[in-house]
Amino acid sequence: MTADRTGVAIRVRDLAKRYTIGAARPYDTLRDHLSGIVRNGRSSPRRQDFWALKNVSFDVRSGDVVGIIGRNGSGKTTLLKILSRITEPTAGHAEIHGRVGSLLEVGTGFHGELTGRENIYLNGAILGMRKTEIARKLPEIVEFAGVEQFLETPVKHYSSGMYLRLGFAVAAHLEPDILMVDEVLAVGDIGFQKRCLGKLGEVAQDGRTVLLVSHNMAAIQSLCTSCLLLNGGELIAAGPPREIVDRYLQEVSVAAPISLEERIDRQGSGAIRFTNVLLRNAKDQSIDLAVSGQDISIAVAYRSAATRPVPGLDVHITFHTMAGQFMFTCSSEGTGHELDVQPGGGQLVCHIPALPLAPGQYSFNLYATSCGVVADWVREAGHVTVAAGDYFGTGRLNTHEGGFLVKHGWTAAVGAPEPRCDS
């Protein structure tokens, strides 16, 4: 059975998990207790409770693909460990309808002394599969994991990469009713990550239930049907992936202005001097993480020692990849904007509609001239991380990394054009 009568595969009610920090170890010696008295005036360290989860409740219907996101330490892994029956909750309960396959840590569920082949059969048996079922899946698992040469080798001799590939292959291919995966997309090479994404997509299309913990927001939005947001052990939001991811990105990307006052590696006459820079979203909130296709603005504060307005000012912001490849420039003069820069200081704001950068990390330079003479030039004045977004408005995320996005279209004509030569 993969769900209860109401179609629910996982039902979680008031789930909580408490850990005790600083508790006395069961193997403490007399010397440990005496040294504790000398250091703290007591024979054992102070105990402190830490709640990794607090009163978490939600339902997952059979066939749902649920993304679980949040900052490090928000309780995501603890939640999956409880649902996978690896650890017990302190309070509350969780109902699981169906057999569960999980990949929470490298090598979870493997026995180091057994070979790769033996561990595949062991994991299948734990899932309740017959030996013939496992044998039918064995070639796919081995091919996906790329461990053909080491199939008869005890897995304690595997590298962490081999462990991971085999672990994911076993978890995804042995057809569990519910698949739980924690951060598998954050490790391994790019090729392996793409294969993992493809396999997770296949599992989702098969109608199986998936719980995916990941910091890859593009994967969450493209694969998942719903999303949970955890913070400090509490479930603070649940809903459509786009909506929840947007909320999460706004919370984690709040940034302070980047100060440029102390930068001495700059050039220019000093007619104006950049003092700080800040990225903002369309809601005028400060950010350090943007999304492809998002409207952003770059606010640049400046000061001027001149006693009258600075004439003929042209301000440039140039974007580059972290490897130094030029992407594009924003120029006040090039767009026909005359900037009225007054004595003392103020702020210049550059608006960029539909940010045309693919996912990746970028730096930007600030450059200003007055009547053709360099006034201030600061290289790598700031950095921005760009996450995947629906740049083309198709409902699909652009996930290829690095590069410049261009709005474009395609048409197909019937028949081939007649060859011609124009002289």
Protein backbone atom coordinates (compact mmCIF):
# COMPACT_ATOMS: atom_id res chain seq x y z
CA MET A 1 0.00 0.00 0.00
CA THR A 2 1.40 3.40 -1.02
CA ALA A 3 -1.17 5.67 0.65
CA ASP A 4 -4.02 5.63 3.14
CA ARG A 5 -7.66 5.79 2.08
CA THR A 6 -7.47 9.57 1.69
CA GLY A 7 -4.48 9.33 -0.69
CA VAL A 8 -1.95 10.53 1.90
CA ALA A 9 1.46 8.84 1.74
CA ILE A 10 3.04 10.74 4.67
CA ARG A 11 1.16 12.32 7.57
CA VAL A 12 3.21 14.32 10.10
CA ARG A 13 1.66 15.72 13.27
CA ASP A 14 3.38 17.93 15.89
CA LEU A 15 6.76 16.36 15.20
CA ALA A 16 9.56 17.56 17.50
CA LYS A 17 13.12 16.50 18.15
CA ARG A 18 15.25 17.59 21.10
CA TYR A 19 18.97 17.10 21.49
CA THR A 20 20.88 17.69 24.71
CA ILE A 21 24.09 19.66 24.36
CA GLY A 22 26.85 19.25 26.92
CA ALA A 23 25.42 16.14 28.53
CA ALA A 24 27.82 13.97 30.51
CA ARG A 25 29.21 11.13 28.45
CA PRO A 26 28.56 7.58 29.70
CA TYR A 27 32.29 6.85 29.57
CA ASP A 28 33.45 9.87 31.63
CA THR A 29 36.25 8.92 34.02
CA LEU A 30 36.94 10.16 37.54
CA ARG A 31 39.58 12.46 36.04
CA ASP A 32 36.93 13.98 33.73
CA HIS A 33 34.66 14.73 36.68
CA LEU A 34 37.48 16.20 38.77
CA SER A 35 38.67 18.41 35.92
CA GLY A 36 35.07 19.56 35.45
CA ILE A 37 34.92 20.60 39.11
CA VAL A 38 38.18 22.55 38.74
CA ARG A 39 36.99 24.31 35.56
CA ASN A 40 33.32 24.89 36.35
CA GLY A 41 32.86 24.32 40.06
CA ARG A 42 30.67 21.30 39.33
CA SER A 43 31.26 17.67 38.49
CA SER A 44 29.50 17.61 35.12
CA PRO A 45 29.07 20.06 32.26
CA ARG A 46 25.90 22.12 32.06
CA ARG A 47 23.14 20.48 30.03
CA GLN A 48 21.35 22.53 27.40
CA ASP A 49 18.40 21.47 25.29
CA PHE A 50 18.39 22.18 21.57
CA TRP A 51 15.19 21.69 19.57
CA ALA A 52 16.10 20.64 16.03
CA LEU A 53 12.37 20.39 15.17
CA LYS A 54 9.40 22.07 16.83
CA ASN A 55 5.78 21.01 16.30
CA VAL A 56 6.03 20.31 12.55
CA SER A 57 2.84 19.16 10.85
CA PHE A 58 2.07 18.49 7.17
CA ASP A 59 0.66 15.92 4.74
CA VAL A 60 2.22 14.56 1.56
CA ARG A 61 -0.13 12.94 -0.92
CA SER A 62 0.88 9.90 -2.92
CA GLY A 63 2.73 10.95 -6.08
CA ASP A 64 3.72 14.39 -4.75
CA VAL A 65 7.26 15.64 -5.21
CA VAL A 66 8.00 17.82 -2.19
CA GLY A 67 11.01 20.10 -1.89
CA ILE A 68 12.28 20.90 1.60
CA ILE A 69 14.36 24.07 1.83
CA GLY A 70 15.83 26.30 4.52
CA ARG A 71 19.08 27.58 5.92
CA ASN A 72 21.74 25.23 7.27
CA GLY A 73 20.63 23.99 10.69
CA SER A 74 16.93 24.60 10.04
CA GLY A 75 16.00 20.94 10.67
CA LYS A 76 15.73 19.55 7.13
CA THR A 77 18.02 16.55 7.61
CA THR A 78 16.59 15.81 11.06
CA LEU A 79 13.12 15.66 9.53
CA LEU A 80 14.19 13.17 6.86
CA LYS A 81 16.03 11.04 9.44
CA ILE A 82 12.86 10.77 11.51
CA LEU A 83 10.72 9.93 8.46
CA SER A 84 13.32 7.33 7.41
CA ARG A 85 13.18 5.76 10.90
CA ILE A 86 16.86 6.46 11.48
CA THR A 87 16.12 8.47 14.62
CA GLU A 88 13.12 8.70 16.92
CA PRO A 89 11.17 11.91 17.52
CA THR A 90 10.96 13.44 20.98
CA ALA A 91 7.29 14.26 20.48
CA GLY A 92 4.63 13.91 17.83
CA HIS A 93 4.33 11.18 15.24
CA ALA A 94 4.64 10.44 11.53
CA GLU A 95 2.64 7.92 9.50
CA ILE A 96 4.39 6.44 6.46
CA HIS A 97 2.34 4.47 3.94
CA GLY A 98 4.62 2.51 1.60
CA ARG A 99 8.20 1.29 1.49
CA VAL A 100 10.85 3.98 1.83
CA GLY A 101 14.15 4.36 -0.01
CA SER A 102 16.46 7.06 1.28
CA LEU A 103 19.83 8.61 0.56
CA LEU A 104 20.60 10.91 3.47
CA GLU A 105 24.35 10.52 3.83
CA VAL A 106 27.07 8.91 1.75
CA GLY A 107 26.87 5.17 2.31
CA THR A 108 23.74 5.18 4.47
CA GLY A 109 22.47 1.62 4.67
CA PHE A 110 25.67 0.04 3.32
CA HIS A 111 27.69 -2.59 5.16
CA GLY A 112 31.39 -1.88 4.68
CA GLU A 113 32.48 -5.52 4.66
CA LEU A 114 30.00 -6.48 1.92
CA THR A 115 30.68 -6.01 -1.79
CA GLY A 116 28.81 -3.57 -3.99
CA ARG A 117 26.72 -6.41 -5.38
CA GLU A 118 25.90 -7.76 -1.92
CA ASN A 119 24.89 -4.31 -0.68
CA ILE A 120 22.52 -3.88 -3.62
CA TYR A 121 20.79 -7.13 -2.71
CA LEU A 122 20.80 -6.21 0.99
CA ASN A 123 19.12 -2.85 0.34
CA GLY A 124 16.57 -4.46 -1.94
CA ALA A 125 15.75 -7.05 0.71
CA ILE A 126 15.27 -4.28 3.30
CA LEU A 127 12.76 -2.69 0.90
CA GLY A 128 10.91 -6.00 0.76
CA MET A 129 11.85 -6.86 -2.81
CA ARG A 130 12.25 -10.38 -4.12
CA LYS A 131 15.67 -11.54 -5.29
CA THR A 132 14.38 -11.81 -8.87
CA GLU A 133 13.19 -8.17 -8.77
CA ILE A 134 16.59 -6.99 -7.56
CA ALA A 135 18.40 -9.07 -10.19
CA ARG A 136 16.25 -7.44 -12.90
CA LYS A 137 17.30 -3.99 -11.71
CA LEU A 138 20.96 -4.84 -11.10
CA PRO A 139 22.33 -3.95 -14.59
CA GLU A 140 20.66 -0.49 -14.50
CA ILE A 141 22.02 0.21 -11.02
CA VAL A 142 25.56 -0.81 -11.91
CA GLU A 143 25.55 1.17 -15.15
CA PHE A 144 24.18 4.31 -13.48
CA ALA A 145 26.69 4.12 -10.63
CA GLY A 146 29.63 3.33 -12.93
CA VAL A 147 31.10 0.74 -10.54
CA GLU A 148 31.28 -2.26 -12.90
CA GLN A 149 34.96 -2.90 -12.15
CA PHE A 150 34.43 -2.73 -8.39
CA LEU A 151 31.15 -4.62 -8.04
CA GLU A 152 32.83 -7.51 -6.20
CA THR A 153 34.93 -5.21 -3.99
CA PRO A 154 33.91 -4.50 -0.36
CA VAL A 155 32.43 -1.00 -0.29
CA LYS A 156 34.73 0.03 2.58
CA HIS A 157 37.37 0.41 -0.15
CA TYR A 158 35.16 2.71 -2.28
CA SER A 159 35.90 6.39 -2.62
CA SER A 160 33.25 8.81 -1.38
CA GLY A 161 32.24 9.47 -4.99
CA MET A 162 31.71 5.77 -5.67
CA TYR A 163 29.75 5.44 -2.43
CA LEU A 164 27.52 8.31 -3.45
CA ARG A 165 26.89 7.08 -6.99
CA LEU A 166 26.03 3.58 -5.81
CA GLY A 167 23.91 4.88 -2.94
CA PHE A 168 21.82 7.09 -5.20
CA ALA A 169 21.53 4.38 -7.85
CA VAL A 170 20.25 1.86 -5.30
CA ALA A 171 17.83 4.35 -3.70
CA ALA A 172 16.37 5.51 -7.02
CA HIS A 173 16.29 2.26 -9.01
CA LEU A 174 14.88 -0.22 -6.49
CA GLU A 175 11.40 1.32 -6.90
CA PRO A 176 10.52 2.43 -3.37
CA ASP A 177 7.05 3.90 -2.94
CA ILE A 178 8.63 6.92 -1.22
CA LEU A 179 12.09 8.25 -2.08
CA MET A 180 13.87 10.62 0.31
CA VAL A 181 17.02 12.37 -0.91
CA ASP A 182 19.15 14.82 1.07
CA GLU A 183 21.55 17.15 -0.79
CA VAL A 184 22.68 14.59 -3.37
CA LEU A 185 22.78 17.43 -5.92
CA ALA A 186 25.38 19.35 -3.89
CA VAL A 187 28.14 16.79 -4.38
CA GLY A 188 29.71 14.88 -7.23
CA ASP A 189 30.70 16.18 -10.63
CA ILE A 190 28.40 18.09 -12.98
CA GLY A 191 27.72 15.03 -15.13
CA PHE A 192 26.59 12.99 -12.13
CA GLN A 193 24.39 15.81 -10.86
CA LYS A 194 22.65 16.02 -14.24
CA ARG A 195 22.05 12.27 -14.23
CA CYS A 196 20.61 12.54 -10.72
CA LEU A 197 18.23 15.28 -11.84
CA GLY A 198 17.16 13.21 -14.81
CA LYS A 199 16.53 10.15 -12.66
CA LEU A 200 14.58 12.14 -10.08
CA GLY A 201 12.43 13.45 -12.93
CA GLU A 202 11.76 9.88 -14.09
CA VAL A 203 10.85 8.80 -10.55
CA ALA A 204 8.43 11.72 -10.27
CA GLN A 205 6.83 10.88 -13.65
CA ASP A 206 6.33 7.30 -12.47
CA GLY A 207 3.95 8.66 -9.82
CA ARG A 208 6.12 7.82 -6.84
CA THR A 209 6.38 10.12 -3.83
CA VAL A 210 9.62 12.08 -3.46
CA LEU A 211 10.97 14.24 -0.63
CA LEU A 212 13.97 16.28 -1.80
CA VAL A 213 16.20 18.40 0.43
CA SER A 214 18.38 20.69 -1.67
CA HIS A 215 19.96 24.14 -1.88
CA ASN A 216 19.57 23.92 -5.67
CA MET A 217 16.58 26.22 -6.14
CA ALA A 218 16.40 25.49 -9.86
CA ALA A 219 15.96 21.77 -9.14
CA ILE A 220 13.36 22.48 -6.46
CA GLN A 221 11.30 24.65 -8.82
CA SER A 222 11.59 22.39 -11.86
CA LEU A 223 11.03 19.02 -10.15
CA CYS A 224 8.72 19.66 -7.22
CA THR A 225 4.94 19.99 -7.02
CA SER A 226 5.05 21.65 -3.59
CA CYS A 227 7.60 23.01 -1.17
CA LEU A 228 8.19 23.27 2.60
CA LEU A 229 10.28 26.04 4.18
CA LEU A 230 11.91 25.35 7.55
CA ASN A 231 13.55 27.90 9.82
CA GLY A 232 14.91 27.21 13.29
CA GLY A 233 13.23 23.81 13.37
CA GLU A 234 9.79 25.22 12.56
CA LEU A 235 7.72 24.90 9.41
CA ILE A 236 7.12 28.54 8.47
CA ALA A 237 5.65 28.18 4.97
CA ALA A 238 4.26 25.56 2.60
CA GLY A 239 2.90 25.94 -0.91
CA PRO A 240 3.81 26.17 -4.61
CA PRO A 241 7.58 25.91 -5.24
CA ARG A 242 7.90 29.30 -7.00
CA GLU A 243 6.15 31.12 -4.16
CA ILE A 244 8.10 29.41 -1.37
CA VAL A 245 11.46 29.68 -3.15
CA ASP A 246 10.88 33.40 -3.76
CA ARG A 247 10.20 33.90 -0.06
CA TYR A 248 13.30 31.93 0.90
CA LEU A 249 15.53 33.82 -1.52
CA GLN A 250 14.27 37.14 -0.19
CA GLU A 251 15.07 36.08 3.37
CA VAL A 252 18.55 34.68 2.73
CA SER A 253 19.67 37.33 0.28
CA VAL A 254 19.19 40.38 2.50
CA ALA A 255 22.46 42.27 2.27
CA ALA A 256 24.18 45.30 3.75
CA PRO A 257 25.75 48.01 1.59
CA ILE A 258 29.24 47.20 0.36
CA SER A 259 31.58 49.89 1.66
CA LEU A 260 34.07 51.31 -0.81
CA GLU A 261 35.49 54.02 1.47
CA GLU A 262 38.63 52.08 2.35
CA ARG A 263 39.43 50.90 -1.18
CA ILE A 264 42.82 52.31 -2.14
CA ASP A 265 43.16 50.26 -5.35
CA ARG A 266 41.22 52.85 -7.33
CA GLN A 267 41.97 55.40 -9.99
CA GLY A 268 40.58 58.82 -10.86
CA SER A 269 40.67 62.54 -10.23
CA GLY A 270 38.30 62.33 -7.27
CA ALA A 271 35.74 64.68 -8.81
CA ILE A 272 33.31 62.17 -7.34
CA ARG A 273 34.16 59.17 -5.20
CA PHE A 274 32.02 56.04 -4.81
CA THR A 275 31.40 55.30 -1.11
CA ASN A 276 29.15 52.21 -1.13
CA VAL A 277 27.01 50.07 -3.41
CA LEU A 278 23.87 48.02 -2.79
CA LEU A 279 21.73 45.69 -4.91
CA ARG A 280 17.92 45.88 -4.56
CA ASN A 281 14.97 43.94 -5.93
CA ALA A 282 11.75 45.38 -7.38
CA LYS A 283 10.34 45.74 -3.84
CA ASP A 284 13.33 47.93 -2.92
CA GLN A 285 14.70 45.23 -0.60
CA SER A 286 18.46 44.82 -0.38
CA ILE A 287 19.77 41.54 -1.85
CA ASP A 288 23.01 39.73 -2.63
CA LEU A 289 21.31 36.96 -4.62
CA ALA A 290 19.36 37.70 -7.81
CA VAL A 291 17.33 35.54 -10.20
CA SER A 292 17.65 35.39 -13.99
CA GLY A 293 14.94 37.62 -15.47
CA GLN A 294 14.40 39.49 -12.19
CA ASP A 295 14.12 43.30 -12.14
CA ILE A 296 16.97 44.68 -10.02
CA SER A 297 18.58 48.01 -9.29
CA ILE A 298 22.08 48.97 -8.22
CA ALA A 299 22.27 51.93 -5.85
CA VAL A 300 25.66 53.64 -5.77
CA ALA A 301 26.35 56.23 -3.07
CA TYR A 302 28.97 58.90 -3.80
CA ARG A 303 30.49 62.01 -2.33
CA SER A 304 31.96 65.01 -4.09
CA ALA A 305 34.34 67.67 -2.82
CA ALA A 306 33.42 70.03 -5.66
CA THR A 307 31.72 73.32 -4.86
CA ARG A 308 29.45 73.14 -7.90
CA PRO A 309 27.70 70.37 -9.88
CA VAL A 310 30.01 67.87 -11.58
CA PRO A 311 29.75 68.45 -15.35
CA GLY A 312 29.53 65.82 -18.11
CA LEU A 313 29.26 62.84 -15.78
CA ASP A 314 29.05 59.35 -17.28
CA VAL A 315 28.77 56.36 -14.91
CA HIS A 316 29.40 52.76 -16.00
CA ILE A 317 28.67 49.45 -14.26
CA THR A 318 30.37 46.54 -16.04
CA PHE A 319 29.58 42.91 -15.25
CA HIS A 320 32.11 40.06 -15.56
CA THR A 321 32.25 36.37 -14.73
CA MET A 322 34.47 35.38 -11.82
CA ALA A 323 37.01 34.29 -14.44
CA GLY A 324 37.10 37.86 -15.76
CA GLN A 325 35.04 37.41 -18.96
CA PHE A 326 33.14 40.57 -19.85
CA MET A 327 29.34 40.20 -19.86
CA PHE A 328 27.76 43.62 -20.38
CA THR A 329 27.91 47.25 -19.31
CA CYS A 330 25.34 49.78 -18.12
CA SER A 331 26.24 53.36 -19.12
CA SER A 332 24.30 56.47 -18.13
CA GLU A 333 25.54 58.34 -21.20
CA GLY A 334 24.89 55.43 -23.54
CA THR A 335 21.20 55.33 -22.53
CA GLY A 336 20.85 59.11 -22.82
CA HIS A 337 20.49 59.80 -19.11
CA GLU A 338 22.04 63.03 -17.86
CA LEU A 339 22.91 62.71 -14.18
CA ASP A 340 22.53 65.80 -12.00
CA VAL A 341 25.33 65.28 -9.50
CA GLN A 342 25.37 67.95 -6.81
CA PRO A 343 28.18 68.98 -4.47
CA GLY A 344 28.50 67.05 -1.22
CA GLY A 345 27.11 63.68 -2.16
CA GLY A 346 24.09 61.59 -3.00
CA GLN A 347 23.02 58.37 -4.67
CA LEU A 348 22.90 57.13 -8.26
CA VAL A 349 20.56 54.26 -9.10
CA CYS A 350 20.83 52.03 -12.17
CA HIS A 351 17.71 49.99 -12.99
CA ILE A 352 18.14 46.68 -14.86
CA PRO A 353 14.85 45.11 -16.02
CA ALA A 354 14.91 41.33 -16.56
CA LEU A 355 18.49 40.61 -15.45
CA PRO A 356 20.02 38.83 -18.49
CA LEU A 357 22.54 36.64 -16.67
CA ALA A 358 22.47 32.86 -16.48
CA PRO A 359 22.96 31.18 -13.07
CA GLY A 360 26.44 31.71 -11.65
CA GLN A 361 28.61 34.19 -9.77
CA TYR A 362 29.58 37.55 -11.20
CA SER A 363 31.51 40.66 -10.21
CA PHE A 364 30.96 44.24 -11.32
CA ASN A 365 33.19 47.29 -11.68
CA LEU A 366 32.21 50.93 -11.10
CA TYR A 367 33.61 53.57 -13.44
CA ALA A 368 32.84 57.29 -13.76
CA THR A 369 34.17 60.04 -16.03
CA SER A 370 33.64 63.79 -15.93
CA CYS A 371 34.01 65.47 -19.33
CA GLY A 372 35.96 62.42 -20.51
CA VAL A 373 38.38 62.39 -17.54
CA VAL A 374 38.30 59.42 -15.15
CA ALA A 375 36.75 60.56 -11.86
CA ASP A 376 36.65 57.23 -10.01
CA TRP A 377 37.28 53.62 -11.04
CA VAL A 378 36.81 50.70 -8.62
CA ARG A 379 37.36 47.20 -9.93
CA GLU A 380 35.32 44.36 -8.38
CA ALA A 381 33.26 46.84 -6.41
CA GLY A 382 30.78 44.07 -5.67
CA HIS A 383 29.67 40.51 -6.38
CA VAL A 384 26.30 38.95 -7.10
CA THR A 385 25.13 35.36 -7.21
CA VAL A 386 22.46 34.66 -9.83
CA ALA A 387 20.01 31.77 -9.40
CA ALA A 388 17.96 30.14 -12.17
CA GLY A 389 14.77 31.94 -13.14
CA ASP A 390 12.07 31.94 -15.82
CA TYR A 391 13.88 34.48 -18.00
CA PHE A 392 11.99 33.63 -21.20
CA GLY A 393 8.55 33.57 -19.54
CA THR A 394 7.86 30.00 -20.62
CA GLY A 395 7.31 28.51 -17.17
CA ARG A 396 10.63 26.69 -17.51
CA LEU A 397 13.79 27.62 -15.64
CA ASN A 398 17.00 28.43 -17.45
CA THR A 399 19.48 26.21 -15.61
CA HIS A 400 22.64 26.27 -17.74
CA GLU A 401 25.38 28.02 -15.81
CA GLY A 402 27.27 31.14 -16.79
CA GLY A 403 26.64 33.39 -19.76
CA PHE A 404 24.41 36.07 -21.18
CA LEU A 405 20.72 35.48 -21.89
CA VAL A 406 19.10 37.03 -24.96
CA LYS A 407 15.39 37.28 -25.75
CA HIS A 408 14.78 35.56 -29.08
CA GLY A 409 12.28 33.52 -31.05
CA TRP A 410 12.14 30.78 -33.67
CA THR A 411 10.04 30.06 -36.74
CA ALA A 412 9.98 27.09 -39.08
CA ALA A 413 9.31 27.51 -42.81
CA VAL A 414 7.84 24.82 -45.01
CA GLY A 415 10.43 23.60 -47.49
CA ALA A 416 14.03 24.72 -47.90
CA PRO A 417 14.85 28.22 -49.14
CA GLU A 418 16.07 28.47 -52.71
CA PRO A 419 19.85 28.94 -52.82
CA ARG A 420 20.86 32.31 -54.20
CA CYS A 421 23.95 34.42 -54.55
CA ASP A 422 23.71 38.17 -54.43
CA SER A 423 26.55 40.01 -56.05
